[in-house]
Amino acid sequence: SSPYHKNRALRGPRGGAVLRLLERDITFNNVPEIREITIASNVPDA
């Protein structure tokens, strides 16, 4: 509806949500595995 729309980048989903990753099929070279584990503790009394 506006001349400024020409050659303009596409917009993201409504509400400012982040696009999720596309799920890939599990094959012999991308079997899910554990990469790292983070343990965090919040101590407000400190």
All heavy atoms as atom14 arrays in JSON, in Angstrom:
{
  "sequence": "SSPYHKNRALRGPRGGAVLRLLERDITFNNVPEIREITIASNVPDA",
  "atom14_mask": [
    [1, 1, 1, 1, 1, 1, 0, 0, 0, 0, 0, 0, 0, 0],
    [1, 1, 1, 1, 1, 1, 0, 0, 0, 0, 0, 0, 0, 0],
    [1, 1, 1, 1, 1, 1, 1, 0, 0, 0, 0, 0, 0, 0],
    [1, 1, 1, 1, 1, 1, 1, 1, 1, 1, 1, 1, 0, 0],
    [1, 1, 1, 1, 1, 1, 1, 1, 1, 1, 0, 0, 0, 0],
    [1, 1, 1, 1, 1, 1, 1, 1, 1, 0, 0, 0, 0, 0],
    [1, 1, 1, 1, 1, 1, 1, 1, 0, 0, 0, 0, 0, 0],
    [1, 1, 1, 1, 1, 1, 1, 1, 1, 1, 1, 0, 0, 0],
    [1, 1, 1, 1, 1, 0, 0, 0, 0, 0, 0, 0, 0, 0],
    [1, 1, 1, 1, 1, 1, 1, 1, 0, 0, 0, 0, 0, 0],
    [1, 1, 1, 1, 1, 1, 1, 1, 1, 1, 1, 0, 0, 0],
    [1, 1, 1, 1, 0, 0, 0, 0, 0, 0, 0, 0, 0, 0],
    [1, 1, 1, 1, 1, 1, 1, 0, 0, 0, 0, 0, 0, 0],
    [1, 1, 1, 1, 1, 1, 1, 1, 1, 1, 1, 0, 0, 0],
    [1, 1, 1, 1, 0, 0, 0, 0, 0, 0, 0, 0, 0, 0],
    [1, 1, 1, 1, 0, 0, 0, 0, 0, 0, 0, 0, 0, 0],
    [1, 1, 1, 1, 1, 0, 0, 0, 0, 0, 0, 0, 0, 0],
    [1, 1, 1, 1, 1, 1, 1, 0, 0, 0, 0, 0, 0, 0],
    [1, 1, 1, 1, 1, 1, 1, 1, 0, 0, 0, 0, 0, 0],
    [1, 1, 1, 1, 1, 1, 1, 1, 1, 1, 1, 0, 0, 0],
    [1, 1, 1, 1, 1, 1, 1, 1, 0, 0, 0, 0, 0, 0],
    [1, 1, 1, 1, 1, 1, 1, 1, 0, 0, 0, 0, 0, 0],
    [1, 1, 1, 1, 1, 1, 1, 1, 1, 0, 0, 0, 0, 0],
    [1, 1, 1, 1, 1, 1, 1, 1, 1, 1, 1, 0, 0, 0],
    [1, 1, 1, 1, 1, 1, 1, 1, 0, 0, 0, 0, 0, 0],
    [1, 1, 1, 1, 1, 1, 1, 1, 0, 0, 0, 0, 0, 0],
    [1, 1, 1, 1, 1, 1, 1, 0, 0, 0, 0, 0, 0, 0],
    [1, 1, 1, 1, 1, 1, 1, 1, 1, 1, 1, 0, 0, 0],
    [1, 1, 1, 1, 1, 1, 1, 1, 0, 0, 0, 0, 0, 0],
    [1, 1, 1, 1, 1, 1, 1, 1, 0, 0, 0, 0, 0, 0],
    [1, 1, 1, 1, 1, 1, 1, 0, 0, 0, 0, 0, 0, 0],
    [1, 1, 1, 1, 1, 1, 1, 0, 0, 0, 0, 0, 0, 0],
    [1, 1, 1, 1, 1, 1, 1, 1, 1, 0, 0, 0, 0, 0],
    [1, 1, 1, 1, 1, 1, 1, 1, 0, 0, 0, 0, 0, 0],
    [1, 1, 1, 1, 1, 1, 1, 1, 1, 1, 1, 0, 0, 0],
    [1, 1, 1, 1, 1, 1, 1, 1, 1, 0, 0, 0, 0, 0],
    [1, 1, 1, 1, 1, 1, 1, 1, 0, 0, 0, 0, 0, 0],
    [1, 1, 1, 1, 1, 1, 1, 0, 0, 0, 0, 0, 0, 0],
    [1, 1, 1, 1, 1, 1, 1, 1, 0, 0, 0, 0, 0, 0],
    [1, 1, 1, 1, 1, 0, 0, 0, 0, 0, 0, 0, 0, 0],
    [1, 1, 1, 1, 1, 1, 0, 0, 0, 0, 0, 0, 0, 0],
    [1, 1, 1, 1, 1, 1, 1, 1, 0, 0, 0, 0, 0, 0],
    [1, 1, 1, 1, 1, 1, 1, 0, 0, 0, 0, 0, 0, 0],
    [1, 1, 1, 1, 1, 1, 1, 0, 0, 0, 0, 0, 0, 0],
    [1, 1, 1, 1, 1, 1, 1, 1, 0, 0, 0, 0, 0, 0],
    [1, 1, 1, 1, 1, 0, 0, 0, 0, 0, 0, 0, 0, 0]
  ],
  "atom14_positions": [
    [[0.81, -1.21, 0.0], [0.0, 0.0, 0.0], [0.84, 1.26, 0.0], [0.31, 2.35, -0.21], [-0.93, 0.01, 1.23], [-0.16, -0.06, 2.43], [0.0, 0.0, 0.0], [0.0, 0.0, 0.0], [0.0, 0.0, 0.0], [0.0, 0.0, 0.0], [0.0, 0.0, 0.0], [0.0, 0.0, 0.0], [0.0, 0.0, 0.0], [0.0, 0.0, 0.0]],
    [[2.13, 1.14, 0.22], [3.0, 2.31, 0.25], [4.2, 2.05, -0.64], [4.66, 0.9, -0.76], [3.48, 2.58, 1.69], [4.47, 3.59, 1.72], [0.0, 0.0, 0.0], [0.0, 0.0, 0.0], [0.0, 0.0, 0.0], [0.0, 0.0, 0.0], [0.0, 0.0, 0.0], [0.0, 0.0, 0.0], [0.0, 0.0, 0.0], [0.0, 0.0, 0.0]],
    [[4.71, 3.07, -1.28], [5.91, 2.85, -2.12], [7.14, 2.43, -1.31], [8.09, 1.9, -1.86], [6.12, 4.19, -2.81], [5.4, 5.18, -1.96], [4.24, 4.46, -1.37], [0.0, 0.0, 0.0], [0.0, 0.0, 0.0], [0.0, 0.0, 0.0], [0.0, 0.0, 0.0], [0.0, 0.0, 0.0], [0.0, 0.0, 0.0], [0.0, 0.0, 0.0]],
    [[7.1, 2.68, -0.01], [8.24, 2.3, 0.83], [8.26, 0.8, 1.14], [9.21, 0.31, 1.74], [8.19, 3.09, 2.15], [8.36, 4.57, 1.96], [7.25, 5.42, 2.0], [9.6, 5.13, 1.72], [7.38, 6.78, 1.83], [9.74, 6.5, 1.55], [8.63, 7.33, 1.61], [8.77, 8.68, 1.43], [0.0, 0.0, 0.0], [0.0, 0.0, 0.0]],
    [[7.2, 0.09, 0.77], [7.16, -1.35, 1.01], [7.99, -2.12, 0.0], [8.27, -3.3, 0.22], [5.71, -1.84, 0.96], [4.89, -1.36, 2.11], [3.52, -1.55, 2.18], [5.22, -0.68, 3.25], [3.06, -1.01, 3.3], [4.07, -0.47, 3.96], [0.0, 0.0, 0.0], [0.0, 0.0, 0.0], [0.0, 0.0, 0.0], [0.0, 0.0, 0.0]],
    [[8.39, -1.5, -1.09], [9.12, -2.19, -2.12], [10.55, -2.47, -1.66], [11.22, -1.59, -1.1], [9.13, -1.34, -3.4], [9.72, -2.07, -4.6], [9.64, -1.21, -5.85], [10.19, -1.95, -7.05], [10.13, -1.13, -8.29], [0.0, 0.0, 0.0], [0.0, 0.0, 0.0], [0.0, 0.0, 0.0], [0.0, 0.0, 0.0], [0.0, 0.0, 0.0]],
    [[10.99, -3.72, -1.87], [12.35, -4.16, -1.49], [12.62, -4.0, 0.01], [13.76, -3.81, 0.42], [13.42, -3.39, -2.29], [13.31, -3.64, -3.77], [12.87, -4.7, -4.21], [13.68, -2.64, -4.56], [0.0, 0.0, 0.0], [0.0, 0.0, 0.0], [0.0, 0.0, 0.0], [0.0, 0.0, 0.0], [0.0, 0.0, 0.0], [0.0, 0.0, 0.0]],
    [[11.57, -4.09, 0.8], [11.74, -3.95, 2.24], [11.79, -5.35, 2.87], [11.15, -6.29, 2.39], [10.57, -3.16, 2.83], [10.83, -2.67, 4.25], [9.77, -1.68, 4.66], [10.01, -1.17, 6.0], [9.25, -0.26, 6.6], [8.17, 0.21, 5.98], [9.54, 0.17, 7.8], [0.0, 0.0, 0.0], [0.0, 0.0, 0.0], [0.0, 0.0, 0.0]],
    [[12.58, -5.48, 3.93], [12.73, -6.77, 4.59], [11.41, -7.23, 5.18], [10.56, -6.42, 5.6], [13.8, -6.69, 5.68], [0.0, 0.0, 0.0], [0.0, 0.0, 0.0], [0.0, 0.0, 0.0], [0.0, 0.0, 0.0], [0.0, 0.0, 0.0], [0.0, 0.0, 0.0], [0.0, 0.0, 0.0], [0.0, 0.0, 0.0], [0.0, 0.0, 0.0]],
    [[11.2, -8.54, 5.22], [9.98, -9.09, 5.79], [9.93, -8.87, 7.29], [10.95, -8.79, 7.98], [9.88, -10.59, 5.47], [9.87, -10.95, 3.98], [9.82, -12.47, 3.82], [8.7, -10.29, 3.27], [0.0, 0.0, 0.0], [0.0, 0.0, 0.0], [0.0, 0.0, 0.0], [0.0, 0.0, 0.0], [0.0, 0.0, 0.0], [0.0, 0.0, 0.0]],
    [[8.7, -8.83, 7.81], [8.5, -8.59, 9.24], [8.44, -9.91, 10.0], [8.09, -10.96, 9.45], [7.2, -7.82, 9.46], [7.21, -6.42, 8.91], [5.87, -5.75, 9.1], [4.83, -6.37, 8.24], [3.56, -6.0, 8.24], [3.16, -5.02, 9.06], [2.7, -6.57, 7.43], [0.0, 0.0, 0.0], [0.0, 0.0, 0.0], [0.0, 0.0, 0.0]],
    [[8.76, -9.84, 11.28], [8.7, -11.01, 12.13], [7.28, -11.32, 12.54], [6.33, -10.63, 12.15], [0.0, 0.0, 0.0], [0.0, 0.0, 0.0], [0.0, 0.0, 0.0], [0.0, 0.0, 0.0], [0.0, 0.0, 0.0], [0.0, 0.0, 0.0], [0.0, 0.0, 0.0], [0.0, 0.0, 0.0], [0.0, 0.0, 0.0], [0.0, 0.0, 0.0]],
    [[7.07, -12.37, 13.33], [5.72, -12.73, 13.76], [5.12, -11.66, 14.65], [5.83, -10.83, 15.25], [5.92, -14.05, 14.49], [7.35, -14.05, 14.91], [8.08, -13.29, 13.85], [0.0, 0.0, 0.0], [0.0, 0.0, 0.0], [0.0, 0.0, 0.0], [0.0, 0.0, 0.0], [0.0, 0.0, 0.0], [0.0, 0.0, 0.0], [0.0, 0.0, 0.0]],
    [[3.82, -11.67, 14.77], [3.13, -10.67, 15.58], [3.47, -10.85, 17.06], [3.69, -11.97, 17.55], [1.63, -10.79, 15.39], [1.17, -10.41, 13.99], [-0.33, -10.4, 13.89], [-0.8, -10.06, 12.56], [-0.93, -8.83, 12.11], [-0.65, -7.8, 12.89], [-1.36, -8.61, 10.87], [0.0, 0.0, 0.0], [0.0, 0.0, 0.0], [0.0, 0.0, 0.0]],
    [[3.47, -9.74, 17.78], [3.76, -9.77, 19.21], [5.24, -9.74, 19.54], [5.61, -9.85, 20.72], [0.0, 0.0, 0.0], [0.0, 0.0, 0.0], [0.0, 0.0, 0.0], [0.0, 0.0, 0.0], [0.0, 0.0, 0.0], [0.0, 0.0, 0.0], [0.0, 0.0, 0.0], [0.0, 0.0, 0.0], [0.0, 0.0, 0.0], [0.0, 0.0, 0.0]],
    [[6.1, -9.62, 18.54], [7.54, -9.57, 18.82], [8.13, -10.92, 19.22], [9.21, -10.98, 19.81], [0.0, 0.0, 0.0], [0.0, 0.0, 0.0], [0.0, 0.0, 0.0], [0.0, 0.0, 0.0], [0.0, 0.0, 0.0], [0.0, 0.0, 0.0], [0.0, 0.0, 0.0], [0.0, 0.0, 0.0], [0.0, 0.0, 0.0], [0.0, 0.0, 0.0]],
    [[7.44, -12.02, 18.92], [7.93, -13.34, 19.29], [9.12, -13.71, 18.41], [9.24, -13.28, 17.26], [6.82, -14.38, 19.16], [0.0, 0.0, 0.0], [0.0, 0.0, 0.0], [0.0, 0.0, 0.0], [0.0, 0.0, 0.0], [0.0, 0.0, 0.0], [0.0, 0.0, 0.0], [0.0, 0.0, 0.0], [0.0, 0.0, 0.0], [0.0, 0.0, 0.0]],
    [[10.0, -14.52, 18.98], [11.19, -14.98, 18.27], [10.83, -16.23, 17.47], [10.1, -17.11, 17.95], [12.34, -15.27, 19.25], [13.58, -15.75, 18.5], [12.66, -14.04, 20.07], [0.0, 0.0, 0.0], [0.0, 0.0, 0.0], [0.0, 0.0, 0.0], [0.0, 0.0, 0.0], [0.0, 0.0, 0.0], [0.0, 0.0, 0.0], [0.0, 0.0, 0.0]],
    [[11.31, -16.32, 16.26], [11.06, -17.5, 15.44], [11.7, -18.73, 16.06], [12.87, -18.71, 16.46], [11.6, -17.29, 14.03], [10.84, -16.32, 13.13], [11.55, -16.18, 11.81], [9.42, -16.8, 12.91], [0.0, 0.0, 0.0], [0.0, 0.0, 0.0], [0.0, 0.0, 0.0], [0.0, 0.0, 0.0], [0.0, 0.0, 0.0], [0.0, 0.0, 0.0]],
    [[10.95, -19.81, 16.13], [11.48, -21.05, 16.66], [12.32, -21.76, 15.6], [12.15, -21.54, 14.4], [10.33, -21.97, 17.1], [9.46, -21.39, 18.2], [8.38, -22.39, 18.59], [7.52, -21.88, 19.64], [6.5, -22.57, 20.16], [6.22, -23.79, 19.7], [5.78, -22.05, 21.13], [0.0, 0.0, 0.0], [0.0, 0.0, 0.0], [0.0, 0.0, 0.0]],
    [[13.18, -22.64, 16.09], [13.99, -23.43, 15.18], [13.11, -24.46, 14.46], [12.17, -25.0, 15.04], [15.1, -24.16, 15.93], [16.19, -23.29, 16.56], [17.16, -24.17, 17.33], [16.93, -22.48, 15.51], [0.0, 0.0, 0.0], [0.0, 0.0, 0.0], [0.0, 0.0, 0.0], [0.0, 0.0, 0.0], [0.0, 0.0, 0.0], [0.0, 0.0, 0.0]],
    [[13.42, -24.7, 13.21], [12.71, -25.74, 12.47], [13.24, -27.1, 12.9], [14.45, -27.33, 12.96], [12.93, -25.56, 10.96], [12.23, -24.34, 10.34], [12.6, -24.23, 8.87], [10.72, -24.45, 10.49], [0.0, 0.0, 0.0], [0.0, 0.0, 0.0], [0.0, 0.0, 0.0], [0.0, 0.0, 0.0], [0.0, 0.0, 0.0], [0.0, 0.0, 0.0]],
    [[12.32, -27.99, 13.24], [12.73, -29.32, 13.7], [13.28, -30.14, 12.54], [12.61, -30.31, 11.52], [11.55, -30.03, 14.35], [11.9, -31.41, 14.89], [10.7, -32.07, 15.54], [10.1, -31.43, 16.41], [10.39, -33.21, 15.16], [0.0, 0.0, 0.0], [0.0, 0.0, 0.0], [0.0, 0.0, 0.0], [0.0, 0.0, 0.0], [0.0, 0.0, 0.0]],
    [[14.49, -30.63, 12.72], [15.11, -31.47, 11.71], [14.87, -32.94, 12.06], [14.83, -33.32, 13.22], [16.61, -31.22, 11.63], [16.97, -29.81, 11.17], [18.47, -29.66, 11.13], [19.06, -29.86, 12.46], [20.36, -29.84, 12.72], [21.22, -29.66, 11.72], [20.82, -30.02, 13.94], [0.0, 0.0, 0.0], [0.0, 0.0, 0.0], [0.0, 0.0, 0.0]],
    [[14.73, -33.75, 11.02], [14.58, -35.18, 11.24], [15.86, -35.77, 11.79], [16.97, -35.36, 11.42], [14.2, -35.88, 9.93], [12.83, -35.44, 9.42], [12.01, -35.02, 10.26], [12.61, -35.5, 8.19], [0.0, 0.0, 0.0], [0.0, 0.0, 0.0], [0.0, 0.0, 0.0], [0.0, 0.0, 0.0], [0.0, 0.0, 0.0], [0.0, 0.0, 0.0]],
    [[15.73, -36.74, 12.69], [16.9, -37.38, 13.29], [17.47, -38.38, 12.3], [16.77, -39.3, 11.84], [16.5, -38.08, 14.6], [16.02, -37.05, 15.63], [17.69, -38.86, 15.16], [15.58, -37.66, 16.94], [0.0, 0.0, 0.0], [0.0, 0.0, 0.0], [0.0, 0.0, 0.0], [0.0, 0.0, 0.0], [0.0, 0.0, 0.0], [0.0, 0.0, 0.0]],
    [[18.72, -38.19, 11.94], [19.44, -39.1, 11.06], [20.71, -39.55, 11.76], [20.94, -39.25, 12.94], [19.78, -38.4, 9.73], [20.58, -37.24, 10.0], [18.51, -37.98, 9.01], [0.0, 0.0, 0.0], [0.0, 0.0, 0.0], [0.0, 0.0, 0.0], [0.0, 0.0, 0.0], [0.0, 0.0, 0.0], [0.0, 0.0, 0.0], [0.0, 0.0, 0.0]],
    [[21.55, -40.27, 11.02], [22.76, -40.83, 11.63], [23.75, -39.75, 12.03], [24.61, -39.99, 12.89], [23.43, -41.81, 10.65], [24.03, -41.14, 9.44], [25.36, -40.78, 9.42], [23.25, -40.87, 8.34], [25.9, -40.16, 8.32], [23.78, -40.25, 7.23], [25.13, -39.9, 7.21], [0.0, 0.0, 0.0], [0.0, 0.0, 0.0], [0.0, 0.0, 0.0]],
    [[23.68, -38.56, 11.44], [24.67, -37.53, 11.73], [24.14, -36.4, 12.6], [24.86, -35.43, 12.83], [25.21, -36.94, 10.42], [24.1, -36.37, 9.55], [22.93, -36.5, 9.87], [24.48, -35.75, 8.44], [0.0, 0.0, 0.0], [0.0, 0.0, 0.0], [0.0, 0.0, 0.0], [0.0, 0.0, 0.0], [0.0, 0.0, 0.0], [0.0, 0.0, 0.0]],
    [[22.92, -36.48, 13.1], [22.42, -35.43, 14.0], [21.55, -36.03, 15.11], [20.5, -35.48, 15.44], [21.65, -34.36, 13.21], [20.39, -34.91, 12.57], [20.22, -36.1, 12.46], [19.5, -34.02, 12.15], [0.0, 0.0, 0.0], [0.0, 0.0, 0.0], [0.0, 0.0, 0.0], [0.0, 0.0, 0.0], [0.0, 0.0, 0.0], [0.0, 0.0, 0.0]],
    [[21.97, -37.16, 15.66], [21.26, -37.73, 16.8], [21.43, -36.79, 17.99], [22.55, -36.37, 18.3], [21.81, -39.14, 17.13], [21.07, -39.73, 18.32], [21.69, -40.04, 15.92], [0.0, 0.0, 0.0], [0.0, 0.0, 0.0], [0.0, 0.0, 0.0], [0.0, 0.0, 0.0], [0.0, 0.0, 0.0], [0.0, 0.0, 0.0], [0.0, 0.0, 0.0]],
    [[20.35, -36.41, 18.69], [20.48, -35.48, 19.81], [21.39, -36.04, 20.9], [21.4, -37.23, 21.21], [19.03, -35.33, 20.31], [18.18, -35.72, 19.15], [18.94, -36.76, 18.4], [0.0, 0.0, 0.0], [0.0, 0.0, 0.0], [0.0, 0.0, 0.0], [0.0, 0.0, 0.0], [0.0, 0.0, 0.0], [0.0, 0.0, 0.0], [0.0, 0.0, 0.0]],
    [[22.18, -35.16, 21.49], [23.06, -35.51, 22.59], [23.18, -34.32, 23.53], [22.81, -33.19, 23.18], [24.44, -35.93, 22.08], [25.16, -34.85, 21.31], [26.52, -35.29, 20.83], [26.95, -36.39, 21.24], [27.16, -34.54, 20.07], [0.0, 0.0, 0.0], [0.0, 0.0, 0.0], [0.0, 0.0, 0.0], [0.0, 0.0, 0.0], [0.0, 0.0, 0.0]],
    [[23.71, -34.57, 24.71], [23.87, -33.51, 25.71], [25.16, -32.75, 25.43], [26.23, -33.35, 25.3], [23.89, -34.11, 27.13], [22.52, -34.74, 27.44], [24.21, -33.05, 28.16], [22.47, -35.42, 28.78], [0.0, 0.0, 0.0], [0.0, 0.0, 0.0], [0.0, 0.0, 0.0], [0.0, 0.0, 0.0], [0.0, 0.0, 0.0], [0.0, 0.0, 0.0]],
    [[25.06, -31.44, 25.36], [26.23, -30.6, 25.13], [26.8, -30.05, 26.43], [27.99, -30.12, 26.66], [25.87, -29.44, 24.19], [25.63, -29.88, 22.76], [25.33, -28.68, 21.88], [25.21, -29.06, 20.47], [24.87, -28.22, 19.51], [24.6, -26.94, 19.8], [24.79, -28.64, 18.26], [0.0, 0.0, 0.0], [0.0, 0.0, 0.0], [0.0, 0.0, 0.0]],
    [[25.95, -29.5, 27.27], [26.43, -28.92, 28.53], [25.27, -28.83, 29.5], [24.1, -28.89, 29.12], [27.03, -27.54, 28.3], [26.04, -26.52, 27.75], [26.67, -25.19, 27.43], [27.71, -25.19, 26.74], [26.11, -24.16, 27.86], [0.0, 0.0, 0.0], [0.0, 0.0, 0.0], [0.0, 0.0, 0.0], [0.0, 0.0, 0.0], [0.0, 0.0, 0.0]],
    [[25.6, -28.72, 30.78], [24.61, -28.56, 31.85], [25.07, -27.41, 32.73], [26.21, -27.39, 33.22], [24.47, -29.85, 32.68], [23.91, -30.99, 31.83], [23.54, -29.62, 33.88], [23.75, -32.3, 32.57], [0.0, 0.0, 0.0], [0.0, 0.0, 0.0], [0.0, 0.0, 0.0], [0.0, 0.0, 0.0], [0.0, 0.0, 0.0], [0.0, 0.0, 0.0]],
    [[24.18, -26.46, 32.93], [24.47, -25.3, 33.77], [23.66, -25.41, 35.05], [22.44, -25.63, 35.01], [24.12, -23.99, 33.03], [24.89, -23.92, 31.83], [24.42, -22.78, 33.9], [0.0, 0.0, 0.0], [0.0, 0.0, 0.0], [0.0, 0.0, 0.0], [0.0, 0.0, 0.0], [0.0, 0.0, 0.0], [0.0, 0.0, 0.0], [0.0, 0.0, 0.0]],
    [[24.33, -25.25, 36.19], [23.68, -25.27, 37.51], [23.8, -23.87, 38.1], [24.93, -23.36, 38.27], [24.32, -26.31, 38.45], [24.23, -27.7, 37.81], [23.62, -26.32, 39.79], [25.47, -28.13, 37.09], [0.0, 0.0, 0.0], [0.0, 0.0, 0.0], [0.0, 0.0, 0.0], [0.0, 0.0, 0.0], [0.0, 0.0, 0.0], [0.0, 0.0, 0.0]],
    [[22.69, -23.25, 38.36], [22.65, -21.89, 38.89], [21.86, -21.87, 40.19], [20.9, -22.64, 40.37], [22.03, -20.92, 37.88], [0.0, 0.0, 0.0], [0.0, 0.0, 0.0], [0.0, 0.0, 0.0], [0.0, 0.0, 0.0], [0.0, 0.0, 0.0], [0.0, 0.0, 0.0], [0.0, 0.0, 0.0], [0.0, 0.0, 0.0], [0.0, 0.0, 0.0]],
    [[22.27, -21.01, 41.09], [21.6, -20.87, 42.38], [21.43, -19.39, 42.69], [22.41, -18.63, 42.64], [22.42, -21.56, 43.49], [21.8, -21.4, 44.74], [0.0, 0.0, 0.0], [0.0, 0.0, 0.0], [0.0, 0.0, 0.0], [0.0, 0.0, 0.0], [0.0, 0.0, 0.0], [0.0, 0.0, 0.0], [0.0, 0.0, 0.0], [0.0, 0.0, 0.0]],
    [[20.19, -19.0, 42.97], [19.89, -17.62, 43.33], [19.8, -17.52, 44.85], [19.0, -18.22, 45.48], [18.57, -17.18, 42.69], [18.27, -15.72, 42.95], [19.19, -14.92, 43.13], [16.99, -15.37, 42.99], [0.0, 0.0, 0.0], [0.0, 0.0, 0.0], [0.0, 0.0, 0.0], [0.0, 0.0, 0.0], [0.0, 0.0, 0.0], [0.0, 0.0, 0.0]],
    [[20.63, -16.65, 45.45], [20.7, -16.5, 46.9], [20.45, -15.04, 47.24], [21.4, -14.25, 47.41], [22.07, -16.97, 47.44], [22.03, -17.09, 48.95], [22.48, -18.29, 46.82], [0.0, 0.0, 0.0], [0.0, 0.0, 0.0], [0.0, 0.0, 0.0], [0.0, 0.0, 0.0], [0.0, 0.0, 0.0], [0.0, 0.0, 0.0], [0.0, 0.0, 0.0]],
    [[19.2, -14.61, 47.33], [18.93, -13.19, 47.63], [19.37, -12.79, 49.04], [19.67, -11.61, 49.28], [17.42, -13.06, 47.45], [16.89, -14.45, 47.6], [17.96, -15.36, 47.1], [0.0, 0.0, 0.0], [0.0, 0.0, 0.0], [0.0, 0.0, 0.0], [0.0, 0.0, 0.0], [0.0, 0.0, 0.0], [0.0, 0.0, 0.0], [0.0, 0.0, 0.0]],
    [[19.42, -13.75, 49.99], [19.85, -13.4, 51.34], [21.31, -13.04, 51.4], [21.77, -12.51, 52.42], [19.58, -14.58, 52.29], [18.09, -14.85, 52.45], [17.3, -13.91, 52.24], [17.72, -16.0, 52.77], [0.0, 0.0, 0.0], [0.0, 0.0, 0.0], [0.0, 0.0, 0.0], [0.0, 0.0, 0.0], [0.0, 0.0, 0.0], [0.0, 0.0, 0.0]],
    [[22.09, -13.33, 50.35], [23.51, -13.0, 50.36], [23.77, -11.5, 50.32], [24.87, -11.06, 50.64], [24.2, -13.66, 49.17], [0.0, 0.0, 0.0], [0.0, 0.0, 0.0], [0.0, 0.0, 0.0], [0.0, 0.0, 0.0], [0.0, 0.0, 0.0], [0.0, 0.0, 0.0], [0.0, 0.0, 0.0], [0.0, 0.0, 0.0], [0.0, 0.0, 0.0]]
  ]
}
